[in-house]
Amino acid sequence: MDNLFEKIIDKYKNLDGVEAIAKGGSSTANTSDNISDIDIYIFTTKSIELGAREGIIKEVSSKYEAGGEYFGSGDEYFVDDLGIQFDVMFWDKNWFCSVFENVWEKHYPSNGYTTCFLYTLKNFEIMFDKTGWLAQLQKRLKTPYPQELKANILKRNTMLMKDKPFASYYQQIEKALIRNDIISVNHRTAAFLASYFDVIFAVNELLHPGEKRLIQFAKDNCKILPLNFEQNLQKLLASNSHILPILDDMVEKLKAIL
């Protein structure tokens, strides 16, 4: 794998406007499994033409989607000879710097997921770094968890969960239940959980790992957890064992009316 992977990286780093390249995701954070893909982050100083991106992909893949803007600028493709999916994300260098500074140095909290991008940065395996900029940014992260950031995350997200005088997630869920609005219940419960986990990771002074395997990550890494942590989550979310057949049926029935 290493030889072909390096050849792909070499193609990207020769594109005009590429400042740094890093391998990230579960493969570098020791949380990957046999269905995990490989995340490649390409930091740029200008937009990379779609044609140049497709040229690299077509050399190694017969199944791909290039130019996706669903979750930011990126390409997804299956590397035929490796049997692995690559997710390639193109991030503006200046934007990523501002994300880092706003959270780690200015201590701005978010509505959940406050330190996710910093967790990604911490776990980067840098493959190319033209000026050493990305390595320097990683180094700036190697400081104690800012206490002001911790306090701001706790204040904002506990307020959003239930303490806010008006329109907390709890109040919104309560009203949705009265109206029997199950879509709103689901949407606001997801927002509630985003803030819930943001608070848990901040209390433990840990960077937020993102959306996947949060219960297991918390159990493995958090010294402080709420009483009945896993049991309450299981009761809240119930069983997902039948969700895929239901989703399949919903999509098919939706397509039938198009």
C-alpha atoms as a PDB file:
ATOM      1  CA  MET A   1       0.000   0.000   0.000  1.00  0.00           C
ATOM      2  CA  ASP A   2       2.727   2.458   0.968  1.00  0.00           C
ATOM      3  CA  ASN A   3       4.210   2.762  -2.526  1.00  0.00           C
ATOM      4  CA  LEU A   4       0.918   3.483  -4.296  1.00  0.00           C
ATOM      5  CA  PHE A   5      -0.244   5.777  -1.503  1.00  0.00           C
ATOM      6  CA  GLU A   6       2.967   7.800  -1.772  1.00  0.00           C
ATOM      7  CA  LYS A   7       2.552   8.055  -5.540  1.00  0.00           C
ATOM      8  CA  ILE A   8      -0.957   9.476  -5.082  1.00  0.00           C
ATOM      9  CA  ILE A   9       0.295  11.985  -2.514  1.00  0.00           C
ATOM     10  CA  ASP A  10       3.112  13.012  -4.872  1.00  0.00           C
ATOM     11  CA  LYS A  11       0.521  13.812  -7.550  1.00  0.00           C
ATOM     12  CA  TYR A  12      -1.384  16.083  -5.197  1.00  0.00           C
ATOM     13  CA  LYS A  13       1.626  17.905  -3.791  1.00  0.00           C
ATOM     14  CA  ASN A  14       2.714  18.899  -7.303  1.00  0.00           C
ATOM     15  CA  LEU A  15      -0.557  20.740  -7.945  1.00  0.00           C
ATOM     16  CA  ASP A  16      -0.268  24.520  -7.981  1.00  0.00           C
ATOM     17  CA  GLY A  17      -1.698  26.015  -4.815  1.00  0.00           C
ATOM     18  CA  VAL A  18      -1.159  23.022  -2.519  1.00  0.00           C
ATOM     19  CA  GLU A  19       0.504  24.133   0.721  1.00  0.00           C
ATOM     20  CA  ALA A  20       0.321  20.974   2.854  1.00  0.00           C
ATOM     21  CA  ILE A  21      -1.129  17.458   2.865  1.00  0.00           C
ATOM     22  CA  ALA A  22      -2.037  15.319   5.847  1.00  0.00           C
ATOM     23  CA  LYS A  23      -3.486  11.893   6.452  1.00  0.00           C
ATOM     24  CA  GLY A  24      -6.158  11.938   9.122  1.00  0.00           C
ATOM     25  CA  GLY A  25      -9.360  10.363  10.341  1.00  0.00           C
ATOM     26  CA  SER A  26      -9.672   7.093  12.228  1.00  0.00           C
ATOM     27  CA  SER A  27      -6.614   5.603  10.512  1.00  0.00           C
ATOM     28  CA  THR A  28      -4.328   7.991  12.409  1.00  0.00           C
ATOM     29  CA  ALA A  29      -6.377   8.230  15.624  1.00  0.00           C
ATOM     30  CA  ASN A  30      -6.311   4.440  16.212  1.00  0.00           C
ATOM     31  CA  THR A  31     -10.094   4.190  15.920  1.00  0.00           C
ATOM     32  CA  SER A  32     -10.338   2.606  12.459  1.00  0.00           C
ATOM     33  CA  ASP A  33     -12.063  -0.671  11.677  1.00  0.00           C
ATOM     34  CA  ASN A  34     -12.444  -2.846   8.589  1.00  0.00           C
ATOM     35  CA  ILE A  35     -14.981  -0.474   7.019  1.00  0.00           C
ATOM     36  CA  SER A  36     -13.007   2.710   7.631  1.00  0.00           C
ATOM     37  CA  ASP A  37     -11.793   4.802   4.712  1.00  0.00           C
ATOM     38  CA  ILE A  38      -8.664   6.948   4.492  1.00  0.00           C
ATOM     39  CA  ASP A  39      -9.043  10.694   4.922  1.00  0.00           C
ATOM     40  CA  ILE A  40      -6.620  12.955   3.088  1.00  0.00           C
ATOM     41  CA  TYR A  41      -6.610  16.675   3.878  1.00  0.00           C
ATOM     42  CA  ILE A  42      -5.161  19.011   1.285  1.00  0.00           C
ATOM     43  CA  PHE A  43      -4.518  22.586   2.397  1.00  0.00           C
ATOM     44  CA  THR A  44      -4.544  25.137  -0.365  1.00  0.00           C
ATOM     45  CA  THR A  45      -3.906  28.790  -1.044  1.00  0.00           C
ATOM     46  CA  LYS A  46      -6.261  28.794  -4.041  1.00  0.00           C
ATOM     47  CA  SER A  47      -8.896  26.566  -5.625  1.00  0.00           C
ATOM     48  CA  ILE A  48      -7.661  23.411  -7.346  1.00  0.00           C
ATOM     49  CA  GLU A  49      -9.231  22.845 -10.751  1.00  0.00           C
ATOM     50  CA  LEU A  50     -11.600  19.908 -10.947  1.00  0.00           C
ATOM     51  CA  GLY A  51      -9.930  18.610 -14.094  1.00  0.00           C
ATOM     52  CA  ALA A  52      -6.593  18.263 -12.317  1.00  0.00           C
ATOM     53  CA  ARG A  53      -8.247  16.419  -9.441  1.00  0.00           C
ATOM     54  CA  GLU A  54     -10.061  14.042 -11.770  1.00  0.00           C
ATOM     55  CA  GLY A  55      -6.828  13.355 -13.630  1.00  0.00           C
ATOM     56  CA  ILE A  56      -5.240  12.004 -10.454  1.00  0.00           C
ATOM     57  CA  ILE A  57      -8.311   9.961  -9.530  1.00  0.00           C
ATOM     58  CA  LYS A  58      -8.767   8.294 -12.925  1.00  0.00           C
ATOM     59  CA  GLU A  59      -5.262   6.842 -12.804  1.00  0.00           C
ATOM     60  CA  VAL A  60      -6.149   4.693  -9.769  1.00  0.00           C
ATOM     61  CA  SER A  61      -9.933   4.436  -9.624  1.00  0.00           C
ATOM     62  CA  SER A  62     -12.840   3.181 -11.697  1.00  0.00           C
ATOM     63  CA  LYS A  63     -15.430   4.256  -9.135  1.00  0.00           C
ATOM     64  CA  TYR A  64     -15.351   7.844  -7.950  1.00  0.00           C
ATOM     65  CA  GLU A  65     -17.199  11.078  -7.293  1.00  0.00           C
ATOM     66  CA  ALA A  66     -15.210  14.240  -7.880  1.00  0.00           C
ATOM     67  CA  GLY A  67     -16.178  17.817  -7.127  1.00  0.00           C
ATOM     68  CA  GLY A  68     -18.565  17.020  -4.294  1.00  0.00           C
ATOM     69  CA  GLU A  69     -19.579  20.036  -2.230  1.00  0.00           C
ATOM     70  CA  TYR A  70     -21.905  18.224   0.150  1.00  0.00           C
ATOM     71  CA  PHE A  71     -19.625  18.474   3.197  1.00  0.00           C
ATOM     72  CA  GLY A  72     -17.152  21.022   1.846  1.00  0.00           C
ATOM     73  CA  SER A  73     -14.987  20.746  -1.225  1.00  0.00           C
ATOM     74  CA  GLY A  74     -13.826  17.178  -1.725  1.00  0.00           C
ATOM     75  CA  ASP A  75     -13.504  14.006  -3.788  1.00  0.00           C
ATOM     76  CA  GLU A  76     -14.340  10.411  -2.890  1.00  0.00           C
ATOM     77  CA  TYR A  77     -12.989   7.419  -4.737  1.00  0.00           C
ATOM     78  CA  PHE A  78     -12.230   3.725  -4.434  1.00  0.00           C
ATOM     79  CA  VAL A  79      -8.579   2.915  -5.110  1.00  0.00           C
ATOM     80  CA  ASP A  80      -8.887  -0.272  -7.157  1.00  0.00           C
ATOM     81  CA  ASP A  81      -5.505  -1.829  -6.391  1.00  0.00           C
ATOM     82  CA  LEU A  82      -5.786  -1.139  -2.664  1.00  0.00           C
ATOM     83  CA  GLY A  83      -9.437  -1.993  -2.119  1.00  0.00           C
ATOM     84  CA  ILE A  84      -9.798   1.121   0.037  1.00  0.00           C
ATOM     85  CA  GLN A  85     -11.887   4.273  -0.260  1.00  0.00           C
ATOM     86  CA  PHE A  86     -10.121   7.631  -0.144  1.00  0.00           C
ATOM     87  CA  ASP A  87     -11.913  10.752   1.037  1.00  0.00           C
ATOM     88  CA  VAL A  88      -9.944  13.786  -0.111  1.00  0.00           C
ATOM     89  CA  MET A  89     -10.858  17.142   1.397  1.00  0.00           C
ATOM     90  CA  PHE A  90      -9.603  20.490   0.135  1.00  0.00           C
ATOM     91  CA  TRP A  91      -9.345  23.045   2.938  1.00  0.00           C
ATOM     92  CA  ASP A  92      -8.322  26.655   2.593  1.00  0.00           C
ATOM     93  CA  LYS A  93      -5.189  27.288   4.654  1.00  0.00           C
ATOM     94  CA  ASN A  94      -6.317  30.672   5.975  1.00  0.00           C
ATOM     95  CA  TRP A  95      -9.736  29.333   6.960  1.00  0.00           C
ATOM     96  CA  PHE A  96      -8.172  26.491   8.943  1.00  0.00           C
ATOM     97  CA  CYS A  97      -5.825  28.911  10.704  1.00  0.00           C
ATOM     98  CA  SER A  98      -8.801  31.038  11.743  1.00  0.00           C
ATOM     99  CA  VAL A  99     -10.639  27.979  13.096  1.00  0.00           C
ATOM    100  CA  PHE A 100      -7.613  27.094  15.212  1.00  0.00           C
ATOM    101  CA  GLU A 101      -7.123  30.625  16.521  1.00  0.00           C
ATOM    102  CA  ASN A 102     -10.809  31.225  17.281  1.00  0.00           C
ATOM    103  CA  VAL A 103     -11.098  28.074  19.379  1.00  0.00           C
ATOM    104  CA  TRP A 104      -7.679  27.449  20.970  1.00  0.00           C
ATOM    105  CA  GLU A 105      -6.474  31.013  21.407  1.00  0.00           C
ATOM    106  CA  LYS A 106      -9.612  33.187  21.494  1.00  0.00           C
ATOM    107  CA  HIS A 107     -11.672  30.504  23.284  1.00  0.00           C
ATOM    108  CA  TYR A 108     -14.861  30.767  21.228  1.00  0.00           C
ATOM    109  CA  PRO A 109     -17.309  27.882  21.914  1.00  0.00           C
ATOM    110  CA  SER A 110     -19.744  26.346  19.433  1.00  0.00           C
ATOM    111  CA  ASN A 111     -23.133  24.665  19.687  1.00  0.00           C
ATOM    112  CA  GLY A 112     -21.539  21.240  20.079  1.00  0.00           C
ATOM    113  CA  TYR A 113     -18.400  19.898  18.370  1.00  0.00           C
ATOM    114  CA  THR A 114     -16.316  22.901  19.492  1.00  0.00           C
ATOM    115  CA  THR A 115     -12.883  21.245  19.313  1.00  0.00           C
ATOM    116  CA  CYS A 116     -13.468  18.704  16.514  1.00  0.00           C
ATOM    117  CA  PHE A 117     -11.171  20.362  13.995  1.00  0.00           C
ATOM    118  CA  LEU A 118      -8.447  20.566  16.636  1.00  0.00           C
ATOM    119  CA  TYR A 119      -8.760  16.828  17.305  1.00  0.00           C
ATOM    120  CA  THR A 120      -8.266  16.287  13.589  1.00  0.00           C
ATOM    121  CA  LEU A 121      -5.213  18.567  13.614  1.00  0.00           C
ATOM    122  CA  LYS A 122      -3.710  16.820  16.634  1.00  0.00           C
ATOM    123  CA  ASN A 123      -3.945  13.423  14.947  1.00  0.00           C
ATOM    124  CA  PHE A 124      -2.686  14.458  11.519  1.00  0.00           C
ATOM    125  CA  GLU A 125       0.116  12.462   9.963  1.00  0.00           C
ATOM    126  CA  ILE A 126       1.745  15.141   7.842  1.00  0.00           C
ATOM    127  CA  MET A 127       2.684  13.876   4.383  1.00  0.00           C
ATOM    128  CA  PHE A 128       3.797  17.173   2.822  1.00  0.00           C
ATOM    129  CA  ASP A 129       4.398  20.587   4.339  1.00  0.00           C
ATOM    130  CA  LYS A 130       5.915  23.063   1.925  1.00  0.00           C
ATOM    131  CA  THR A 131       6.856  25.729   4.472  1.00  0.00           C
ATOM    132  CA  GLY A 132       6.434  23.844   7.746  1.00  0.00           C
ATOM    133  CA  TRP A 133       3.205  25.749   8.407  1.00  0.00           C
ATOM    134  CA  LEU A 134       1.094  22.713   9.338  1.00  0.00           C
ATOM    135  CA  ALA A 135       3.721  21.259  11.680  1.00  0.00           C
ATOM    136  CA  GLN A 136       3.956  24.633  13.413  1.00  0.00           C
ATOM    137  CA  LEU A 137       0.186  24.711  13.848  1.00  0.00           C
ATOM    138  CA  GLN A 138       0.308  21.250  15.418  1.00  0.00           C
ATOM    139  CA  LYS A 139       3.011  22.483  17.770  1.00  0.00           C
ATOM    140  CA  ARG A 140       0.851  25.429  18.866  1.00  0.00           C
ATOM    141  CA  LEU A 141      -1.806  22.920  19.913  1.00  0.00           C
ATOM    142  CA  LYS A 142       0.574  21.170  22.327  1.00  0.00           C
ATOM    143  CA  THR A 143      -0.363  23.357  25.261  1.00  0.00           C
ATOM    144  CA  PRO A 144      -2.616  22.663  28.266  1.00  0.00           C
ATOM    145  CA  TYR A 145      -6.347  22.740  27.587  1.00  0.00           C
ATOM    146  CA  PRO A 146      -7.343  26.427  27.938  1.00  0.00           C
ATOM    147  CA  GLN A 147      -9.418  26.898  31.071  1.00  0.00           C
ATOM    148  CA  GLU A 148     -11.306  29.829  29.531  1.00  0.00           C
ATOM    149  CA  LEU A 149     -12.286  27.652  26.574  1.00  0.00           C
ATOM    150  CA  LYS A 150     -13.432  24.914  28.951  1.00  0.00           C
ATOM    151  CA  ALA A 151     -15.575  27.356  30.917  1.00  0.00           C
ATOM    152  CA  ASN A 152     -17.070  28.842  27.736  1.00  0.00           C
ATOM    153  CA  ILE A 153     -17.993  25.419  26.327  1.00  0.00           C
ATOM    154  CA  LEU A 154     -19.635  24.396  29.597  1.00  0.00           C
ATOM    155  CA  LYS A 155     -21.566  27.650  29.932  1.00  0.00           C
ATOM    156  CA  ARG A 156     -22.837  27.762  26.359  1.00  0.00           C
ATOM    157  CA  ASN A 157     -23.758  24.130  25.929  1.00  0.00           C
ATOM    158  CA  THR A 158     -25.335  23.433  29.322  1.00  0.00           C
ATOM    159  CA  MET A 159     -27.401  26.569  28.734  1.00  0.00           C
ATOM    160  CA  LEU A 160     -28.531  25.299  25.324  1.00  0.00           C
ATOM    161  CA  MET A 161     -29.426  21.877  26.695  1.00  0.00           C
ATOM    162  CA  LYS A 162     -31.835  23.011  29.421  1.00  0.00           C
ATOM    163  CA  ASP A 163     -30.701  26.121  31.339  1.00  0.00           C
ATOM    164  CA  LYS A 164     -31.595  28.678  28.665  1.00  0.00           C
ATOM    165  CA  PRO A 165     -34.727  30.585  29.836  1.00  0.00           C
ATOM    166  CA  PHE A 166     -36.361  30.341  26.415  1.00  0.00           C
ATOM    167  CA  ALA A 167     -36.097  27.805  23.564  1.00  0.00           C
ATOM    168  CA  SER A 168     -33.578  25.427  25.137  1.00  0.00           C
ATOM    169  CA  TYR A 169     -33.306  22.079  23.363  1.00  0.00           C
ATOM    170  CA  TYR A 170     -35.226  20.530  26.253  1.00  0.00           C
ATOM    171  CA  GLN A 171     -38.079  23.029  25.872  1.00  0.00           C
ATOM    172  CA  GLN A 172     -38.150  22.545  22.106  1.00  0.00           C
ATOM    173  CA  ILE A 173     -38.352  18.762  22.530  1.00  0.00           C
ATOM    174  CA  GLU A 174     -41.078  19.162  25.135  1.00  0.00           C
ATOM    175  CA  LYS A 175     -43.189  21.271  22.773  1.00  0.00           C
ATOM    176  CA  ALA A 176     -42.547  18.912  19.869  1.00  0.00           C
ATOM    177  CA  LEU A 177     -43.760  15.975  21.970  1.00  0.00           C
ATOM    178  CA  ILE A 178     -46.957  17.832  22.836  1.00  0.00           C
ATOM    179  CA  ARG A 179     -47.511  18.452  19.127  1.00  0.00           C
ATOM    180  CA  ASN A 180     -46.549  14.863  18.275  1.00  0.00           C
ATOM    181  CA  ASP A 181     -43.954  16.353  15.891  1.00  0.00           C
ATOM    182  CA  ILE A 182     -41.591  13.376  15.685  1.00  0.00           C
ATOM    183  CA  ILE A 183     -39.278  14.993  13.117  1.00  0.00           C
ATOM    184  CA  SER A 184     -38.660  17.969  15.383  1.00  0.00           C
ATOM    185  CA  VAL A 185     -38.104  15.637  18.352  1.00  0.00           C
ATOM    186  CA  ASN A 186     -35.418  13.781  16.422  1.00  0.00           C
ATOM    187  CA  HIS A 187     -33.741  16.974  15.173  1.00  0.00           C
ATOM    188  CA  ARG A 188     -33.613  18.670  18.575  1.00  0.00           C
ATOM    189  CA  THR A 189     -32.506  15.454  20.317  1.00  0.00           C
ATOM    190  CA  ALA A 190     -29.517  15.312  17.960  1.00  0.00           C
ATOM    191  CA  ALA A 191     -28.679  18.920  18.859  1.00  0.00           C
ATOM    192  CA  PHE A 192     -29.071  18.134  22.568  1.00  0.00           C
ATOM    193  CA  LEU A 193     -26.639  15.224  22.252  1.00  0.00           C
ATOM    194  CA  ALA A 194     -24.119  17.372  20.368  1.00  0.00           C
ATOM    195  CA  SER A 195     -24.016  19.785  23.301  1.00  0.00           C
ATOM    196  CA  TYR A 196     -24.077  16.915  25.827  1.00  0.00           C
ATOM    197  CA  PHE A 197     -20.914  15.368  24.409  1.00  0.00           C
ATOM    198  CA  ASP A 198     -19.249  18.765  23.956  1.00  0.00           C
ATOM    199  CA  VAL A 199     -19.661  19.314  27.696  1.00  0.00           C
ATOM    200  CA  ILE A 200     -18.395  15.826  28.584  1.00  0.00           C
ATOM    201  CA  PHE A 201     -15.202  16.203  26.546  1.00  0.00           C
ATOM    202  CA  ALA A 202     -14.597  19.737  27.864  1.00  0.00           C
ATOM    203  CA  VAL A 203     -15.023  18.593  31.478  1.00  0.00           C
ATOM    204  CA  ASN A 204     -12.380  15.947  30.788  1.00  0.00           C
ATOM    205  CA  GLU A 205     -10.219  18.490  28.921  1.00  0.00           C
ATOM    206  CA  LEU A 206     -10.224  16.309  25.831  1.00  0.00           C
ATOM    207  CA  LEU A 207     -10.566  17.364  22.211  1.00  0.00           C
ATOM    208  CA  HIS A 208     -13.863  16.277  20.658  1.00  0.00           C
ATOM    209  CA  PRO A 209     -13.311  13.289  18.306  1.00  0.00           C
ATOM    210  CA  GLY A 210     -16.239  13.996  15.967  1.00  0.00           C
ATOM    211  CA  GLU A 211     -19.451  12.117  15.267  1.00  0.00           C
ATOM    212  CA  LYS A 212     -18.426   8.459  15.295  1.00  0.00           C
ATOM    213  CA  ARG A 213     -18.194   5.934  18.162  1.00  0.00           C
ATOM    214  CA  LEU A 214     -18.703   8.630  20.788  1.00  0.00           C
ATOM    215  CA  ILE A 215     -19.961   6.342  23.540  1.00  0.00           C
ATOM    216  CA  GLN A 216     -16.980   4.011  23.262  1.00  0.00           C
ATOM    217  CA  PHE A 217     -14.531   6.904  22.978  1.00  0.00           C
ATOM    218  CA  ALA A 218     -15.961   8.494  26.108  1.00  0.00           C
ATOM    219  CA  LYS A 219     -15.819   5.207  28.033  1.00  0.00           C
ATOM    220  CA  ASP A 220     -12.222   4.613  26.965  1.00  0.00           C
ATOM    221  CA  ASN A 221     -10.869   8.117  27.511  1.00  0.00           C
ATOM    222  CA  CYS A 222     -12.980  10.105  29.967  1.00  0.00           C
ATOM    223  CA  LYS A 223     -12.139   9.912  33.667  1.00  0.00           C
ATOM    224  CA  ILE A 224     -15.333  11.794  34.520  1.00  0.00           C
ATOM    225  CA  LEU A 225     -18.677  10.575  33.146  1.00  0.00           C
ATOM    226  CA  PRO A 226     -22.261  11.213  34.263  1.00  0.00           C
ATOM    227  CA  LEU A 227     -23.917   8.516  36.335  1.00  0.00           C
ATOM    228  CA  ASN A 228     -25.790   6.023  34.107  1.00  0.00           C
ATOM    229  CA  PHE A 229     -24.040   7.520  31.077  1.00  0.00           C
ATOM    230  CA  GLU A 230     -24.382   4.563  28.695  1.00  0.00           C
ATOM    231  CA  GLN A 231     -27.702   3.321  30.069  1.00  0.00           C
ATOM    232  CA  ASN A 232     -29.396   6.679  29.563  1.00  0.00           C
ATOM    233  CA  LEU A 233     -28.121   6.983  26.011  1.00  0.00           C
ATOM    234  CA  GLN A 234     -29.339   3.488  25.177  1.00  0.00           C
ATOM    235  CA  LYS A 235     -32.772   4.255  26.616  1.00  0.00           C
ATOM    236  CA  LEU A 236     -32.935   7.571  24.789  1.00  0.00           C
ATOM    237  CA  LEU A 237     -31.998   6.163  21.392  1.00  0.00           C
ATOM    238  CA  ALA A 238     -33.457   2.638  21.735  1.00  0.00           C
ATOM    239  CA  SER A 239     -32.525   0.018  19.151  1.00  0.00           C
ATOM    240  CA  ASN A 240     -31.359   0.745  15.610  1.00  0.00           C
ATOM    241  CA  SER A 241     -31.499  -2.883  14.460  1.00  0.00           C
ATOM    242  CA  HIS A 242     -34.357  -2.261  11.998  1.00  0.00           C
ATOM    243  CA  ILE A 243     -33.332   1.168  10.766  1.00  0.00           C
ATOM    244  CA  LEU A 244     -31.723   0.193   7.423  1.00  0.00           C
ATOM    245  CA  PRO A 245     -34.739  -1.727   6.006  1.00  0.00           C
ATOM    246  CA  ILE A 246     -36.939   1.181   7.055  1.00  0.00           C
ATOM    247  CA  LEU A 247     -34.650   3.696   5.342  1.00  0.00           C
ATOM    248  CA  ASP A 248     -34.548   1.528   2.195  1.00  0.00           C
ATOM    249  CA  ASP A 249     -38.329   1.438   2.071  1.00  0.00           C
ATOM    250  CA  MET A 250     -38.614   5.185   2.670  1.00  0.00           C
ATOM    251  CA  VAL A 251     -36.210   5.986  -0.177  1.00  0.00           C
ATOM    252  CA  GLU A 252     -37.969   3.635  -2.595  1.00  0.00           C
ATOM    253  CA  LYS A 253     -41.414   5.024  -1.728  1.00  0.00           C
ATOM    254  CA  LEU A 254     -40.068   8.571  -2.113  1.00  0.00           C
ATOM    255  CA  LYS A 255     -38.595   7.810  -5.555  1.00  0.00           C
ATOM    256  CA  ALA A 256     -41.956   6.407  -6.620  1.00  0.00           C
ATOM    257  CA  ILE A 257     -43.568   9.857  -6.370  1.00  0.00           C
ATOM    258  CA  LEU A 258     -40.828  11.744  -8.205  1.00  0.00           C
END
